[in-house]
């Protein structure tokens, strides 16, 4: 079951410190849609830094000489707000798979985008870079038509959902206000 950690500590791995969250800078087409993504796993946040540095260099945001060792993990304290509309995908099941797919391909499962449009924060399993191939194959129909029992079962089995970490997508300004910036740590200085 995916839930926020007891201590409320969440991490964001990036090429830079993120002390102020700007939702307009967030990309769309990610697992739970456009928003600011964090995890309860420090290890997962740290592991994302090299990919973040590579992507920032490709987009021209960083000089080619920028070192991965200068990437950052930003740490936040989550302060729950009872007015937030929060949804957790407890498992990497068909609905989770369909929702991730509809955020990666606008043609798939539009009813789910509509169903979750008003949600401030969504939590669930992360479909990381290692699972991207399986998800891309699913969206492309390599396992059969997305949404069919065969395609869904094949993709979920290949994803090995019991091994996936968590992620939390803060999708609205109200949700972002519940994240209190604590500090940032340099990648090279991480344990």
Foldseek 3Di string as FASTA:
>chain_A
DDDQDPQQKKKAWAQDEPQDDDQVPFDFQAQQGRFDKIFPDPVVRLVCQVVRVVVCVVVVNDPPPRDSQQIKMWMWGFADDPPAAEEEDAFCALLSLQNSLCRNPVVGDVVSCVVCVRHQKYKYFHCDPVLVVLSVCLSVQVQHPRPDPRSRVVSRVVSVGVPTGMMMGGNDPVNVVRIHTDDMDGSNPDD
